[in-house]
Amino acid sequence: MTIEIKLTKHAQDKMIFLGITKDQVKNTILRGSKFKQTDGYLVIHGYLKVAYKIIEKNIYKIKTVYIER
């Protein structure tokens, strides 16, 4: 499945700071465990966590990313 991601400024900044790539974010969304949140989802795969919202079919707005320590 092909997905498109749109990054918020916050998510872009966190990805640069943590050295996380777009491919890692996509992989986390496609393979991770998903949890419903108030405004979107939290997905966890390995050490990565991604908070996102589905804005259209196969288009995901990435709100933030972080590493589980």
PDB file of N, CA and C in Angstrom:
ATOM      1  N   MET A   1       0.851  -1.180   0.000  1.00  0.00           N
ATOM      2  CA  MET A   1       0.000   0.000   0.000  1.00  0.00           C
ATOM      3  C   MET A   1       0.894   1.240   0.000  1.00  0.00           C
ATOM      4  N   THR A   2       0.556   2.178  -0.833  1.00  0.00           N
ATOM      5  CA  THR A   2       1.297   3.430  -0.910  1.00  0.00           C
ATOM      6  C   THR A   2       0.549   4.499  -0.134  1.00  0.00           C
ATOM      7  N   ILE A   3       1.276   5.213   0.708  1.00  0.00           N
ATOM      8  CA  ILE A   3       0.664   6.297   1.457  1.00  0.00           C
ATOM      9  C   ILE A   3       1.460   7.574   1.226  1.00  0.00           C
ATOM     10  N   GLU A   4       0.768   8.692   1.362  1.00  0.00           N
ATOM     11  CA  GLU A   4       1.409  10.000   1.275  1.00  0.00           C
ATOM     12  C   GLU A   4       1.368  10.618   2.663  1.00  0.00           C
ATOM     13  N   ILE A   5       2.484  11.215   3.078  1.00  0.00           N
ATOM     14  CA  ILE A   5       2.491  11.878   4.375  1.00  0.00           C
ATOM     15  C   ILE A   5       2.731  13.370   4.200  1.00  0.00           C
ATOM     16  N   LYS A   6       2.026  14.129   4.998  1.00  0.00           N
ATOM     17  CA  LYS A   6       2.204  15.579   5.063  1.00  0.00           C
ATOM     18  C   LYS A   6       2.664  15.885   6.482  1.00  0.00           C
ATOM     19  N   LEU A   7       3.758  16.603   6.591  1.00  0.00           N
ATOM     20  CA  LEU A   7       4.376  16.852   7.887  1.00  0.00           C
ATOM     21  C   LEU A   7       4.050  18.248   8.398  1.00  0.00           C
ATOM     22  N   THR A   8       3.698  18.335   9.674  1.00  0.00           N
ATOM     23  CA  THR A   8       3.599  19.647  10.308  1.00  0.00           C
ATOM     24  C   THR A   8       5.013  20.162  10.537  1.00  0.00           C
ATOM     25  N   LYS A   9       5.138  21.436  10.786  1.00  0.00           N
ATOM     26  CA  LYS A   9       6.449  22.024  11.085  1.00  0.00           C
ATOM     27  C   LYS A   9       7.063  21.345  12.308  1.00  0.00           C
ATOM     28  N   HIS A  10       6.228  21.090  13.307  1.00  0.00           N
ATOM     29  CA  HIS A  10       6.697  20.422  14.523  1.00  0.00           C
ATOM     30  C   HIS A  10       7.265  19.041  14.197  1.00  0.00           C
ATOM     31  N   ALA A  11       6.549  18.270  13.380  1.00  0.00           N
ATOM     32  CA  ALA A  11       7.010  16.929  13.020  1.00  0.00           C
ATOM     33  C   ALA A  11       8.323  16.999  12.231  1.00  0.00           C
ATOM     34  N   GLN A  12       8.419  17.955  11.304  1.00  0.00           N
ATOM     35  CA  GLN A  12       9.658  18.120  10.542  1.00  0.00           C
ATOM     36  C   GLN A  12      10.836  18.424  11.467  1.00  0.00           C
ATOM     37  N   ASP A  13      10.628  19.338  12.387  1.00  0.00           N
ATOM     38  CA  ASP A  13      11.693  19.702  13.324  1.00  0.00           C
ATOM     39  C   ASP A  13      12.130  18.513  14.170  1.00  0.00           C
ATOM     40  N   LYS A  14      11.162  17.740  14.664  1.00  0.00           N
ATOM     41  CA  LYS A  14      11.487  16.566  15.492  1.00  0.00           C
ATOM     42  C   LYS A  14      12.236  15.517  14.675  1.00  0.00           C
ATOM     43  N   MET A  15      11.820  15.302  13.431  1.00  0.00           N
ATOM     44  CA  MET A  15      12.479  14.315  12.583  1.00  0.00           C
ATOM     45  C   MET A  15      13.937  14.705  12.333  1.00  0.00           C
ATOM     46  N   ILE A  16      14.187  15.974  12.068  1.00  0.00           N
ATOM     47  CA  ILE A  16      15.561  16.439  11.849  1.00  0.00           C
ATOM     48  C   ILE A  16      16.386  16.260  13.123  1.00  0.00           C
ATOM     49  N   PHE A  17      15.832  16.678  14.251  1.00  0.00           N
ATOM     50  CA  PHE A  17      16.539  16.596  15.527  1.00  0.00           C
ATOM     51  C   PHE A  17      16.865  15.152  15.903  1.00  0.00           C
ATOM     52  N   LEU A  18      15.920  14.232  15.646  1.00  0.00           N
ATOM     53  CA  LEU A  18      16.093  12.833  16.040  1.00  0.00           C
ATOM     54  C   LEU A  18      16.703  11.959  14.945  1.00  0.00           C
ATOM     55  N   GLY A  19      16.865  12.495  13.731  1.00  0.00           N
ATOM     56  CA  GLY A  19      17.430  11.719  12.627  1.00  0.00           C
ATOM     57  C   GLY A  19      16.482  10.669  12.089  1.00  0.00           C
ATOM     58  N   ILE A  20      15.201  10.985  12.043  1.00  0.00           N
ATOM     59  CA  ILE A  20      14.174  10.055  11.566  1.00  0.00           C
ATOM     60  C   ILE A  20      13.816  10.418  10.130  1.00  0.00           C
ATOM     61  N   THR A  21      13.721   9.405   9.258  1.00  0.00           N
ATOM     62  CA  THR A  21      13.415   9.638   7.850  1.00  0.00           C
ATOM     63  C   THR A  21      11.915   9.461   7.570  1.00  0.00           C
ATOM     64  N   LYS A  22      11.487   9.969   6.409  1.00  0.00           N
ATOM     65  CA  LYS A  22      10.093   9.786   5.982  1.00  0.00           C
ATOM     66  C   LYS A  22       9.775   8.303   5.812  1.00  0.00           C
ATOM     67  N   ASP A  23      10.730   7.535   5.298  1.00  0.00           N
ATOM     68  CA  ASP A  23      10.513   6.098   5.125  1.00  0.00           C
ATOM     69  C   ASP A  23      10.277   5.405   6.464  1.00  0.00           C
ATOM     70  N   GLN A  24      10.985   5.824   7.500  1.00  0.00           N
ATOM     71  CA  GLN A  24      10.774   5.250   8.826  1.00  0.00           C
ATOM     72  C   GLN A  24       9.371   5.589   9.348  1.00  0.00           C
ATOM     73  N   VAL A  25       8.925   6.813   9.091  1.00  0.00           N
ATOM     74  CA  VAL A  25       7.580   7.219   9.514  1.00  0.00           C
ATOM     75  C   VAL A  25       6.532   6.388   8.774  1.00  0.00           C
ATOM     76  N   LYS A  26       6.683   6.241   7.461  1.00  0.00           N
ATOM     77  CA  LYS A  26       5.733   5.439   6.670  1.00  0.00           C
ATOM     78  C   LYS A  26       5.717   3.989   7.149  1.00  0.00           C
ATOM     79  N   ASN A  27       6.885   3.427   7.382  1.00  0.00           N
ATOM     80  CA  ASN A  27       6.989   2.052   7.857  1.00  0.00           C
ATOM     81  C   ASN A  27       6.291   1.879   9.209  1.00  0.00           C
ATOM     82  N   THR A  28       6.454   2.855  10.086  1.00  0.00           N
ATOM     83  CA  THR A  28       5.801   2.807  11.395  1.00  0.00           C
ATOM     84  C   THR A  28       4.283   2.810  11.240  1.00  0.00           C
ATOM     85  N   ILE A  29       3.763   3.670  10.366  1.00  0.00           N
ATOM     86  CA  ILE A  29       2.312   3.739  10.137  1.00  0.00           C
ATOM     87  C   ILE A  29       1.784   2.426   9.568  1.00  0.00           C
ATOM     88  N   LEU A  30       2.508   1.855   8.609  1.00  0.00           N
ATOM     89  CA  LEU A  30       2.033   0.643   7.940  1.00  0.00           C
ATOM     90  C   LEU A  30       2.142  -0.612   8.800  1.00  0.00           C
ATOM     91  N   ARG A  31       3.137  -0.678   9.677  1.00  0.00           N
ATOM     92  CA  ARG A  31       3.397  -1.921  10.413  1.00  0.00           C
ATOM     93  C   ARG A  31       3.159  -1.857  11.913  1.00  0.00           C
ATOM     94  N   GLY A  32       2.939  -0.665  12.443  1.00  0.00           N
ATOM     95  CA  GLY A  32       2.860  -0.512  13.888  1.00  0.00           C
ATOM     96  C   GLY A  32       1.507  -0.818  14.491  1.00  0.00           C
ATOM     97  N   SER A  33       1.488  -0.811  15.815  1.00  0.00           N
ATOM     98  CA  SER A  33       0.258  -0.974  16.591  1.00  0.00           C
ATOM     99  C   SER A  33      -0.398   0.387  16.730  1.00  0.00           C
ATOM    100  N   LYS A  34      -1.687   0.454  16.356  1.00  0.00           N
ATOM    101  CA  LYS A  34      -2.395   1.730  16.331  1.00  0.00           C
ATOM    102  C   LYS A  34      -3.315   1.892  17.534  1.00  0.00           C
ATOM    103  N   PHE A  35      -3.341   3.103  18.065  1.00  0.00           N
ATOM    104  CA  PHE A  35      -4.199   3.445  19.201  1.00  0.00           C
ATOM    105  C   PHE A  35      -4.962   4.713  18.856  1.00  0.00           C
ATOM    106  N   LYS A  36      -6.283   4.665  19.005  1.00  0.00           N
ATOM    107  CA  LYS A  36      -7.121   5.837  18.748  1.00  0.00           C
ATOM    108  C   LYS A  36      -6.883   6.881  19.817  1.00  0.00           C
ATOM    109  N   GLN A  37      -6.749   8.135  19.391  1.00  0.00           N
ATOM    110  CA  GLN A  37      -6.623   9.249  20.313  1.00  0.00           C
ATOM    111  C   GLN A  37      -7.766  10.216  20.058  1.00  0.00           C
ATOM    112  N   THR A  38      -7.831  11.276  20.830  1.00  0.00           N
ATOM    113  CA  THR A  38      -8.910  12.244  20.697  1.00  0.00           C
ATOM    114  C   THR A  38      -8.995  12.804  19.282  1.00  0.00           C
ATOM    115  N   ASP A  39      -7.856  13.184  18.710  1.00  0.00           N
ATOM    116  CA  ASP A  39      -7.858  13.768  17.374  1.00  0.00           C
ATOM    117  C   ASP A  39      -6.867  13.039  16.480  1.00  0.00           C
ATOM    118  N   GLY A  40      -7.121  11.773  16.203  1.00  0.00           N
ATOM    119  CA  GLY A  40      -6.251  11.000  15.329  1.00  0.00           C
ATOM    120  C   GLY A  40      -5.813   9.696  15.966  1.00  0.00           C
ATOM    121  N   TYR A  41      -4.576   9.312  15.660  1.00  0.00           N
ATOM    122  CA  TYR A  41      -4.047   8.028  16.108  1.00  0.00           C
ATOM    123  C   TYR A  41      -2.607   8.174  16.593  1.00  0.00           C
ATOM    124  N   LEU A  42      -2.210   7.241  17.433  1.00  0.00           N
ATOM    125  CA  LEU A  42      -0.819   7.067  17.824  1.00  0.00           C
ATOM    126  C   LEU A  42      -0.436   5.671  17.377  1.00  0.00           C
ATOM    127  N   VAL A  43       0.674   5.556  16.667  1.00  0.00           N
ATOM    128  CA  VAL A  43       1.140   4.253  16.205  1.00  0.00           C
ATOM    129  C   VAL A  43       2.554   4.042  16.733  1.00  0.00           C
ATOM    130  N   ILE A  44       2.804   2.804  17.169  1.00  0.00           N
ATOM    131  CA  ILE A  44       4.099   2.442  17.749  1.00  0.00           C
ATOM    132  C   ILE A  44       4.653   1.252  16.988  1.00  0.00           C
ATOM    133  N   HIS A  45       5.905   1.387  16.556  1.00  0.00           N
ATOM    134  CA  HIS A  45       6.590   0.279  15.882  1.00  0.00           C
ATOM    135  C   HIS A  45       8.056   0.334  16.295  1.00  0.00           C
ATOM    136  N   GLY A  46       8.495  -0.690  17.004  1.00  0.00           N
ATOM    137  CA  GLY A  46       9.864  -0.695  17.510  1.00  0.00           C
ATOM    138  C   GLY A  46      10.040   0.438  18.508  1.00  0.00           C
ATOM    139  N   TYR A  47      10.996   1.281  18.268  1.00  0.00           N
ATOM    140  CA  TYR A  47      11.281   2.389  19.178  1.00  0.00           C
ATOM    141  C   TYR A  47      10.632   3.699  18.726  1.00  0.00           C
ATOM    142  N   LEU A  48       9.951   3.698  17.570  1.00  0.00           N
ATOM    143  CA  LEU A  48       9.341   4.922  17.054  1.00  0.00           C
ATOM    144  C   LEU A  48       7.866   5.028  17.405  1.00  0.00           C
ATOM    145  N   LYS A  49       7.434   6.250  17.689  1.00  0.00           N
ATOM    146  CA  LYS A  49       6.025   6.560  17.891  1.00  0.00           C
ATOM    147  C   LYS A  49       5.677   7.724  16.962  1.00  0.00           C
ATOM    148  N   VAL A  50       4.516   7.612  16.321  1.00  0.00           N
ATOM    149  CA  VAL A  50       4.071   8.647  15.389  1.00  0.00           C
ATOM    150  C   VAL A  50       2.617   8.987  15.714  1.00  0.00           C
ATOM    151  N   ALA A  51       2.343  10.274  15.901  1.00  0.00           N
ATOM    152  CA  ALA A  51       0.976  10.750  16.094  1.00  0.00           C
ATOM    153  C   ALA A  51       0.527  11.357  14.767  1.00  0.00           C
ATOM    154  N   TYR A  52      -0.627  10.901  14.277  1.00  0.00           N
ATOM    155  CA  TYR A  52      -1.085  11.367  12.973  1.00  0.00           C
ATOM    156  C   TYR A  52      -2.602  11.449  12.920  1.00  0.00           C
ATOM    157  N   LYS A  53      -3.052  12.052  11.822  1.00  0.00           N
ATOM    158  CA  LYS A  53      -4.476  12.186  11.539  1.00  0.00           C
ATOM    159  C   LYS A  53      -4.670  11.846  10.068  1.00  0.00           C
ATOM    160  N   ILE A  54      -5.698  11.074   9.747  1.00  0.00           N
ATOM    161  CA  ILE A  54      -5.992  10.756   8.359  1.00  0.00           C
ATOM    162  C   ILE A  54      -6.817  11.911   7.792  1.00  0.00           C
ATOM    163  N   ILE A  55      -6.284  12.547   6.716  1.00  0.00           N
ATOM    164  CA  ILE A  55      -7.006  13.683   6.154  1.00  0.00           C
ATOM    165  C   ILE A  55      -7.751  13.320   4.865  1.00  0.00           C
ATOM    166  N   GLU A  56      -7.298  12.292   4.170  1.00  0.00           N
ATOM    167  CA  GLU A  56      -7.978  11.720   3.013  1.00  0.00           C
ATOM    168  C   GLU A  56      -7.505  10.279   2.897  1.00  0.00           C
ATOM    169  N   LYS A  57      -8.129   9.532   2.001  1.00  0.00           N
ATOM    170  CA  LYS A  57      -7.706   8.147   1.815  1.00  0.00           C
ATOM    171  C   LYS A  57      -6.221   8.113   1.437  1.00  0.00           C
ATOM    172  N   ASN A  58      -5.448   7.398   2.215  1.00  0.00           N
ATOM    173  CA  ASN A  58      -4.004   7.213   2.021  1.00  0.00           C
ATOM    174  C   ASN A  58      -3.191   8.500   2.149  1.00  0.00           C
ATOM    175  N   ILE A  59      -3.758   9.547   2.750  1.00  0.00           N
ATOM    176  CA  ILE A  59      -3.008  10.777   3.026  1.00  0.00           C
ATOM    177  C   ILE A  59      -3.049  11.023   4.529  1.00  0.00           C
ATOM    178  N   TYR A  60      -1.864  11.071   5.124  1.00  0.00           N
ATOM    179  CA  TYR A  60      -1.733  11.167   6.571  1.00  0.00           C
ATOM    180  C   TYR A  60      -1.029  12.457   6.957  1.00  0.00           C
ATOM    181  N   LYS A  61      -1.603  13.189   7.890  1.00  0.00           N
ATOM    182  CA  LYS A  61      -0.969  14.392   8.424  1.00  0.00           C
ATOM    183  C   LYS A  61      -0.214  13.978   9.688  1.00  0.00           C
ATOM    184  N   ILE A  62       1.104  14.087   9.652  1.00  0.00           N
ATOM    185  CA  ILE A  62       1.945  13.689  10.769  1.00  0.00           C
ATOM    186  C   ILE A  62       2.063  14.869  11.722  1.00  0.00           C
ATOM    187  N   LYS A  63       1.587  14.676  12.955  1.00  0.00           N
ATOM    188  CA  LYS A  63       1.603  15.750  13.940  1.00  0.00           C
ATOM    189  C   LYS A  63       2.906  15.795  14.716  1.00  0.00           C
ATOM    190  N   THR A  64       3.411  14.628  15.107  1.00  0.00           N
ATOM    191  CA  THR A  64       4.693  14.562  15.810  1.00  0.00           C
ATOM    192  C   THR A  64       5.264  13.152  15.718  1.00  0.00           C
ATOM    193  N   VAL A  65       6.549  13.049  15.920  1.00  0.00           N
ATOM    194  CA  VAL A  65       7.238  11.759  15.987  1.00  0.00           C
ATOM    195  C   VAL A  65       8.176  11.787  17.177  1.00  0.00           C
ATOM    196  N   TYR A  66       8.377  10.647  17.791  1.00  0.00           N
ATOM    197  CA  TYR A  66       9.339  10.598  18.878  1.00  0.00           C
ATOM    198  C   TYR A  66       9.836   9.178  19.086  1.00  0.00           C
ATOM    199  N   ILE A  67      10.902   9.080  19.840  1.00  0.00           N
ATOM    200  CA  ILE A  67      11.561   7.803  20.117  1.00  0.00           C
ATOM    201  C   ILE A  67      11.242   7.383  21.532  1.00  0.00           C
ATOM    202  N   GLU A  68      10.868   6.120  21.689  1.00  0.00           N
ATOM    203  CA  GLU A  68      10.631   5.536  23.011  1.00  0.00           C
ATOM    204  C   GLU A  68      11.981   5.224  23.619  1.00  0.00           C
ATOM    205  N   ARG A  69      12.217   5.750  24.799  1.00  0.00           N
ATOM    206  CA  ARG A  69      13.515   5.507  25.466  1.00  0.00           C
ATOM    207  C   ARG A  69      13.348   4.632  26.663  1.00  0.00           C
TER     208      ARG A  69
END
